[in-house]
Amino acid sequence: MHTIETLPLGQEAVISRLCCTGRQRQHMEDLGFVPGTSVRPLYRSPSGDPTAYAVMGAVIALRSADARLVFCTPCEGMTCL
C-alpha cells in the first residue's frame, strides 16, 4: 500500500484510509483527505517538504510527516473518479 507522500507529481490516486485518530484525523478530513476521495500531488517545495496536493477542488500543502498518514491506491492509466 502507498502513502500520498510516495506518489510522483501528477499521479492521481484514491485515498483508501487515514492512519491517525482524534483531532488529527478530524483536521485531515476537514482539509479534504477523506477515504474514497481523489488526490494528486502537484508541486514540491525546493527543499522537498511540503508538497501541494489537489483534493476536493482545492490545493492543500502537507508536510511529509502528515502525508505519511494518508494511504492511497494509485490510478493506472486513467482518472480515478
Protein backbone atom coordinates (compact mmCIF):
# COMPACT_ATOMS: atom_id res chain seq x y z
CA MET A 1 0.00 0.00 0.00
CA HIS A 2 1.21 3.50 -0.86
CA THR A 3 1.03 6.78 1.00
CA ILE A 4 0.40 10.05 -0.80
CA GLU A 5 3.94 11.06 0.14
CA THR A 6 5.33 8.43 -2.29
CA LEU A 7 3.19 9.44 -5.29
CA PRO A 8 5.07 11.02 -8.19
CA LEU A 9 3.93 14.51 -9.16
CA GLY A 10 0.79 14.37 -11.29
CA GLN A 11 -0.10 10.75 -10.36
CA GLU A 12 -3.73 10.53 -9.34
CA ALA A 13 -4.80 8.18 -6.56
CA VAL A 14 -7.80 7.39 -4.37
CA ILE A 15 -7.42 7.77 -0.62
CA SER A 16 -8.01 4.39 1.00
CA ARG A 17 -7.50 5.16 4.70
CA LEU A 18 -6.09 7.57 7.25
CA CYS A 19 -3.66 6.29 9.83
CA CYS A 20 -4.49 8.79 12.58
CA THR A 21 -7.20 9.36 15.17
CA GLY A 22 -8.86 12.07 17.18
CA ARG A 23 -8.19 15.72 16.45
CA GLN A 24 -5.51 14.95 13.87
CA ARG A 25 -7.89 12.74 11.88
CA GLN A 26 -10.64 15.36 12.08
CA HIS A 27 -8.20 18.02 10.84
CA MET A 28 -7.13 15.86 7.88
CA GLU A 29 -10.76 15.16 6.98
CA ASP A 30 -11.61 18.86 7.27
CA LEU A 31 -8.85 19.56 4.73
CA GLY A 32 -10.47 17.06 2.32
CA PHE A 33 -8.34 13.96 2.89
CA VAL A 34 -11.28 11.56 3.20
CA PRO A 35 -11.27 7.88 2.19
CA GLY A 36 -12.72 7.45 -1.30
CA THR A 37 -11.56 10.89 -2.43
CA SER A 38 -9.25 11.51 -5.39
CA VAL A 39 -5.87 13.17 -4.65
CA ARG A 40 -2.98 14.28 -6.86
CA PRO A 41 0.40 15.78 -5.87
CA LEU A 42 1.01 18.97 -7.84
CA TYR A 43 4.20 20.62 -6.58
CA ARG A 44 7.01 20.02 -4.13
CA SER A 45 8.86 22.87 -2.47
CA PRO A 46 12.53 23.25 -3.45
CA SER A 47 13.53 21.57 -0.19
CA GLY A 48 11.08 18.70 -0.87
CA ASP A 49 8.78 19.47 2.03
CA PRO A 50 5.88 20.41 1.99
CA THR A 51 4.06 19.10 -1.10
CA ALA A 52 0.91 20.68 -2.58
CA TYR A 53 -1.94 18.25 -3.30
CA ALA A 54 -5.13 18.72 -5.33
CA VAL A 55 -8.01 17.34 -3.29
CA MET A 56 -11.75 18.12 -3.47
CA GLY A 57 -11.21 21.12 -5.76
CA ALA A 58 -8.63 22.76 -3.50
CA VAL A 59 -4.85 22.84 -3.31
CA ILE A 60 -3.59 21.84 0.14
CA ALA A 61 0.05 21.78 1.26
CA LEU A 62 1.03 18.95 3.61
CA ARG A 63 4.29 18.22 5.32
CA SER A 64 5.78 14.78 4.72
CA ALA A 65 5.03 13.70 8.29
CA ASP A 66 1.31 14.28 7.66
CA ALA A 67 1.34 12.86 4.11
CA ARG A 68 2.72 9.57 5.51
CA LEU A 69 -0.59 9.15 7.38
CA VAL A 70 -2.71 9.11 4.20
CA PHE A 71 -2.77 5.74 2.42
CA CYS A 72 -3.93 5.52 -1.18
CA THR A 73 -4.38 3.36 -4.25
CA PRO A 74 -2.73 4.85 -7.36
CA CYS A 75 -4.79 5.04 -10.56
CA GLU A 76 -3.32 3.31 -13.57
CA GLY A 77 -3.63 4.93 -16.99
CA MET A 78 -6.88 6.82 -16.43
CA THR A 79 -8.52 9.13 -13.96
CA CYS A 80 -9.86 7.53 -10.81
CA LEU A 81 -13.18 9.28 -10.38
